[in-house]
Amino acid sequence: MRGKEIRLERIINRNTKKTIIVPMDHGVTQGPIEGLIDLGSAVDAVALGGANAVLGHIGLALYGHRRHGPDVGLILHLSASTAIGPDPNEKVLVNTVTHALRMGADAVSMHVNIGADSEARMLGDLGRIAVECQDWGMPLLAMMYPRGRKIADEHAVEHVRLAARVAAELGADLVKTVYTGDPDSFREVTRGCPVPVVVAGGSKTDDRATLGLIEGAMEGGAAGLSIGRNAFQHAAPDRFVRAAAMIVHEGRTVDEAMEVLR
């Protein structure tokens, strides 16, 4: 088994081939928002619920990951921007593959906004990082969002399937992208992408709506989810992740998962 395959098993359930990733990179984008004031507590809570991996910047590895509590995979994010920058859609590299390896990361991730004014430079970064990941046996998760002046609807299937396919074509091992609204249209995304696709959670919403999104995405061929605020900002993050895991790893329904939250 190659190094990349070994590391992928640390962030993907080897039995179900599905994953629950909780991104916690919001500290760079938005600052110390609710749920991420104490990174260690946030990591412990979602790990207790059964998350397969958490994702964030170097600070997550330094101040939050594996402090105590259940073990959970670590994905280090390599790109960033802030919400108050001149162009929040422009992501720049802030970390390297080799440094992530030295910090014990199980995978790395990058964010690319397809359609943004800086798309060309971000694609160049993605291609270069993908080659480095191949050289080092490091899994790469590409966060691919249709965002830019030509994008009227970020959830339109023609944009989402393009974004996902671009990541696979340039060498990503996993793709994170937005839900297209229903299982049939999302199946167009997953069928057109030769690597596993995980669905993003988006803005904070109510439990049933979030679990419904997860259920629809899984029906549409998703390999899991990458949901942040709906998990770590939940009143009971461990129970929310457990409810999500019932759908992702056990094939249970939203109604069954809701029982955990009640």
Protein backbone atom coordinates (compact mmCIF):
# COMPACT_ATOMS: atom_id res chain seq x y z
CA MET A 1 0.00 0.00 0.00
CA ARG A 2 1.38 3.43 -0.96
CA GLY A 3 1.76 6.34 1.42
CA LYS A 4 -1.15 8.24 -0.12
CA GLU A 5 -3.47 5.27 0.34
CA ILE A 6 -2.41 4.86 3.96
CA ARG A 7 -3.07 8.53 4.69
CA LEU A 8 -6.45 8.45 2.93
CA GLU A 9 -7.54 5.71 5.30
CA ARG A 10 -6.95 8.15 8.18
CA ILE A 11 -9.55 10.55 6.82
CA ILE A 12 -11.97 8.14 5.09
CA ASN A 13 -13.74 5.24 6.83
CA ARG A 14 -12.10 2.13 5.38
CA ASN A 15 -15.32 0.09 5.66
CA THR A 16 -17.90 2.50 4.25
CA LYS A 17 -15.49 4.44 1.98
CA LYS A 18 -17.29 7.57 3.18
CA THR A 19 -16.11 10.50 5.28
CA ILE A 20 -17.27 13.26 7.60
CA ILE A 21 -14.90 16.23 7.56
CA VAL A 22 -15.42 19.25 9.80
CA PRO A 23 -13.63 22.33 8.43
CA MET A 24 -12.36 24.78 11.05
CA ASP A 25 -10.44 27.18 8.84
CA HIS A 26 -12.84 30.05 9.57
CA GLY A 27 -10.41 31.74 11.97
CA VAL A 28 -8.46 33.15 9.03
CA THR A 29 -11.51 34.09 6.98
CA GLN A 30 -13.74 35.48 9.74
CA GLY A 31 -11.77 35.47 12.99
CA PRO A 32 -12.69 33.77 16.29
CA ILE A 33 -16.32 33.04 15.51
CA GLU A 34 -18.75 31.23 17.78
CA GLY A 35 -17.83 27.58 18.16
CA LEU A 36 -14.14 28.12 17.38
CA ILE A 37 -13.08 30.31 20.29
CA ASP A 38 -11.46 27.24 21.85
CA LEU A 39 -10.14 25.08 19.03
CA GLY A 40 -9.30 22.15 21.29
CA SER A 41 -12.83 21.89 22.64
CA ALA A 42 -14.27 22.19 19.15
CA VAL A 43 -12.08 19.36 17.85
CA ASP A 44 -12.87 17.14 20.83
CA ALA A 45 -16.62 17.63 20.42
CA VAL A 46 -16.81 16.66 16.74
CA ALA A 47 -14.33 13.80 17.23
CA LEU A 48 -16.53 12.45 20.00
CA GLY A 49 -19.44 12.46 17.55
CA GLY A 50 -17.50 10.40 15.04
CA ALA A 51 -15.95 12.90 12.63
CA ASN A 52 -13.33 11.30 10.41
CA ALA A 53 -11.22 14.44 10.05
CA VAL A 54 -10.97 18.10 10.94
CA LEU A 55 -9.56 20.70 8.56
CA GLY A 56 -7.83 23.96 9.27
CA HIS A 57 -4.69 26.04 9.14
CA ILE A 58 -1.43 25.58 11.03
CA GLY A 59 -3.08 27.02 14.13
CA LEU A 60 -5.43 24.05 14.29
CA ALA A 61 -2.47 21.67 14.51
CA LEU A 62 -0.70 23.87 17.06
CA TYR A 63 -3.58 24.76 19.35
CA GLY A 64 -6.42 22.30 18.85
CA HIS A 65 -5.73 18.93 17.25
CA ARG A 66 -5.09 15.81 19.35
CA ARG A 67 -4.93 17.67 22.66
CA HIS A 68 -7.10 15.03 24.29
CA GLY A 69 -10.27 13.11 23.49
CA PRO A 70 -10.81 10.71 20.56
CA ASP A 71 -8.35 10.67 17.69
CA VAL A 72 -9.39 12.30 14.42
CA GLY A 73 -7.68 12.85 11.08
CA LEU A 74 -5.94 16.16 10.33
CA ILE A 75 -6.21 18.02 7.01
CA LEU A 76 -4.06 21.16 6.79
CA HIS A 77 -5.36 23.94 4.58
CA LEU A 78 -2.80 25.53 2.26
CA SER A 79 -4.67 28.60 0.95
CA ALA A 80 -6.39 31.56 2.54
CA SER A 81 -8.05 34.96 2.29
CA THR A 82 -9.95 37.17 4.74
CA ALA A 83 -13.52 38.38 4.49
CA ILE A 84 -12.39 42.02 4.54
CA GLY A 85 -9.66 41.73 1.90
CA PRO A 86 -9.91 43.52 -1.46
CA ASP A 87 -11.13 40.29 -3.08
CA PRO A 88 -12.15 37.53 -0.64
CA ASN A 89 -12.51 35.15 -3.61
CA GLU A 90 -8.76 35.36 -4.28
CA LYS A 91 -7.05 32.59 -2.32
CA VAL A 92 -3.28 32.65 -1.85
CA LEU A 93 -0.92 29.91 -0.70
CA VAL A 94 0.05 30.19 2.99
CA ASN A 95 1.53 26.74 3.68
CA THR A 96 3.42 23.97 1.86
CA VAL A 97 3.03 20.24 1.36
CA THR A 98 6.37 19.45 2.99
CA HIS A 99 5.61 21.57 6.03
CA ALA A 100 2.22 19.85 6.39
CA LEU A 101 4.02 16.50 6.31
CA ARG A 102 6.39 17.65 9.04
CA MET A 103 3.40 18.70 11.16
CA GLY A 104 1.89 15.22 10.89
CA ALA A 105 -1.00 16.06 8.57
CA ASP A 106 -2.93 13.21 7.00
CA ALA A 107 -3.90 15.33 3.98
CA VAL A 108 -3.80 18.89 2.67
CA SER A 109 -6.50 21.05 1.12
CA MET A 110 -6.79 24.05 -1.19
CA HIS A 111 -9.64 26.39 -2.09
CA VAL A 112 -10.23 27.46 -5.70
CA ASN A 113 -13.06 29.75 -6.85
CA ILE A 114 -13.92 28.87 -10.44
CA GLY A 115 -14.98 32.01 -12.28
CA ALA A 116 -13.17 34.45 -9.98
CA ASP A 117 -10.95 37.14 -11.47
CA SER A 118 -7.94 35.31 -10.01
CA GLU A 119 -9.02 31.86 -11.29
CA ALA A 120 -5.96 31.39 -13.54
CA ARG A 121 -3.48 31.93 -10.72
CA MET A 122 -5.45 29.69 -8.32
CA LEU A 123 -5.57 26.92 -10.92
CA GLY A 124 -1.83 27.24 -11.36
CA ASP A 125 -1.40 26.84 -7.61
CA LEU A 126 -3.72 23.82 -7.55
CA GLY A 127 -1.83 22.08 -10.36
CA ARG A 128 1.55 22.70 -8.74
CA ILE A 129 0.38 21.49 -5.31
CA ALA A 130 -1.23 18.40 -6.87
CA VAL A 131 2.11 17.43 -8.42
CA GLU A 132 3.89 17.91 -5.09
CA CYS A 133 1.25 15.77 -3.40
CA GLN A 134 1.86 13.01 -5.94
CA ASP A 135 5.59 13.20 -5.27
CA TRP A 136 5.16 13.01 -1.48
CA GLY A 137 2.22 10.61 -1.26
CA MET A 138 0.03 13.26 0.35
CA PRO A 139 -3.74 13.25 -0.29
CA LEU A 140 -5.18 16.49 -1.67
CA LEU A 141 -8.69 17.78 -1.03
CA ALA A 142 -9.73 20.55 -3.45
CA MET A 143 -12.50 22.90 -2.35
CA MET A 144 -14.08 23.99 -5.61
CA TYR A 145 -16.69 26.75 -5.65
CA PRO A 146 -18.28 28.49 -8.67
CA ARG A 147 -17.87 32.14 -7.69
CA GLY A 148 -17.30 35.14 -9.90
CA ARG A 149 -18.81 37.78 -12.14
CA LYS A 150 -20.05 35.23 -14.69
CA ILE A 151 -21.70 33.04 -12.04
CA ALA A 152 -25.35 33.97 -11.58
CA ASP A 153 -26.15 30.84 -9.55
CA GLU A 154 -23.37 29.17 -7.55
CA HIS A 155 -25.48 26.01 -7.22
CA ALA A 156 -26.26 25.57 -10.93
CA VAL A 157 -25.35 22.05 -11.95
CA GLU A 158 -23.41 23.13 -15.05
CA HIS A 159 -21.09 25.24 -12.90
CA VAL A 160 -20.76 22.75 -10.05
CA ARG A 161 -19.94 19.79 -12.27
CA LEU A 162 -17.33 21.85 -14.08
CA ALA A 163 -15.73 22.91 -10.80
CA ALA A 164 -15.59 19.33 -9.54
CA ARG A 165 -14.20 17.94 -12.79
CA VAL A 166 -11.47 20.59 -12.96
CA ALA A 167 -10.16 19.45 -9.56
CA ALA A 168 -10.03 15.81 -10.62
CA GLU A 169 -8.38 16.67 -13.94
CA LEU A 170 -5.64 18.60 -12.14
CA GLY A 171 -4.88 15.79 -9.69
CA ALA A 172 -7.03 16.19 -6.56
CA ASP A 173 -7.88 13.03 -4.61
CA LEU A 174 -11.09 14.40 -3.10
CA VAL A 175 -13.35 17.28 -4.12
CA LYS A 176 -15.52 19.44 -1.92
CA THR A 177 -18.25 21.46 -3.62
CA VAL A 178 -21.74 22.82 -3.10
CA TYR A 179 -25.01 20.92 -3.32
CA THR A 180 -27.05 21.49 -6.45
CA GLY A 181 -30.39 21.20 -4.67
CA ASP A 182 -31.58 17.67 -5.43
CA PRO A 183 -30.12 14.16 -5.78
CA ASP A 184 -30.65 13.88 -9.54
CA SER A 185 -28.74 17.04 -10.40
CA PHE A 186 -26.02 16.28 -7.87
CA ARG A 187 -25.61 12.86 -9.47
CA GLU A 188 -24.52 14.70 -12.61
CA VAL A 189 -21.69 16.17 -10.53
CA THR A 190 -20.57 12.89 -8.96
CA ARG A 191 -20.87 10.87 -12.18
CA GLY A 192 -18.77 13.43 -14.02
CA CYS A 193 -16.01 13.43 -11.41
CA PRO A 194 -13.69 10.40 -11.24
CA VAL A 195 -12.67 11.06 -7.62
CA PRO A 196 -14.89 11.13 -4.49
CA VAL A 197 -17.01 14.25 -4.00
CA VAL A 198 -18.00 15.55 -0.56
CA VAL A 199 -20.72 18.12 -0.14
CA ALA A 200 -20.31 21.48 1.59
CA GLY A 201 -22.75 22.56 4.28
CA GLY A 202 -22.88 26.28 3.65
CA SER A 203 -24.45 28.80 6.01
CA LYS A 204 -25.80 27.86 9.43
CA THR A 205 -29.34 26.51 9.16
CA ASP A 206 -31.72 24.25 11.09
CA ASP A 207 -30.98 20.61 11.78
CA ARG A 208 -33.60 19.05 9.55
CA ALA A 209 -32.60 21.17 6.55
CA THR A 210 -28.92 20.31 7.02
CA LEU A 211 -29.59 16.61 7.47
CA GLY A 212 -31.89 16.72 4.44
CA LEU A 213 -29.06 18.20 2.38
CA ILE A 214 -26.77 15.41 3.56
CA GLU A 215 -29.33 12.72 2.74
CA GLY A 216 -29.94 14.17 -0.74
CA ALA A 217 -26.23 14.46 -1.47
CA MET A 218 -25.60 10.87 -0.40
CA GLU A 219 -28.46 9.71 -2.62
CA GLY A 220 -26.81 11.67 -5.41
CA GLY A 221 -23.54 9.78 -5.05
CA ALA A 222 -21.59 11.88 -2.55
CA ALA A 223 -18.72 10.27 -0.66
CA GLY A 224 -19.60 12.19 2.49
CA LEU A 225 -19.69 15.73 3.71
CA SER A 226 -17.53 18.65 4.76
CA ILE A 227 -19.68 20.73 7.08
CA GLY A 228 -18.35 23.36 9.46
CA ARG A 229 -20.69 25.89 11.06
CA ASN A 230 -23.66 23.54 11.21
CA ALA A 231 -21.46 21.19 13.22
CA PHE A 232 -19.17 23.22 15.47
CA GLN A 233 -21.77 25.96 16.11
CA HIS A 234 -24.43 23.42 17.06
CA ALA A 235 -25.65 23.41 20.66
CA ALA A 236 -24.44 19.78 20.83
CA PRO A 237 -21.75 19.29 18.16
CA ASP A 238 -21.09 15.69 19.14
CA ARG A 239 -24.74 14.71 18.72
CA PHE A 240 -25.07 16.57 15.43
CA VAL A 241 -22.02 14.78 13.98
CA ARG A 242 -23.38 11.49 15.29
CA ALA A 243 -26.69 12.19 13.52
CA ALA A 244 -24.85 13.03 10.29
CA ALA A 245 -22.80 9.84 10.62
CA MET A 246 -25.98 7.78 10.76
CA ILE A 247 -26.87 9.06 7.29
CA VAL A 248 -23.35 9.00 5.81
CA HIS A 249 -21.99 5.75 7.22
CA GLU A 250 -25.15 3.78 8.03
CA GLY A 251 -27.57 4.85 5.31
CA ARG A 252 -30.20 5.94 7.82
CA THR A 253 -32.97 8.47 7.13
CA VAL A 254 -33.31 12.07 8.28
CA ASP A 255 -36.13 11.07 10.63
CA GLU A 256 -33.95 8.41 12.24
CA ALA A 257 -31.04 10.84 12.55
CA MET A 258 -33.26 13.50 14.10
CA GLU A 259 -33.99 11.14 17.00
CA VAL A 260 -30.37 11.53 18.12
CA LEU A 261 -30.82 15.31 18.32
CA ARG A 262 -34.04 15.06 20.30
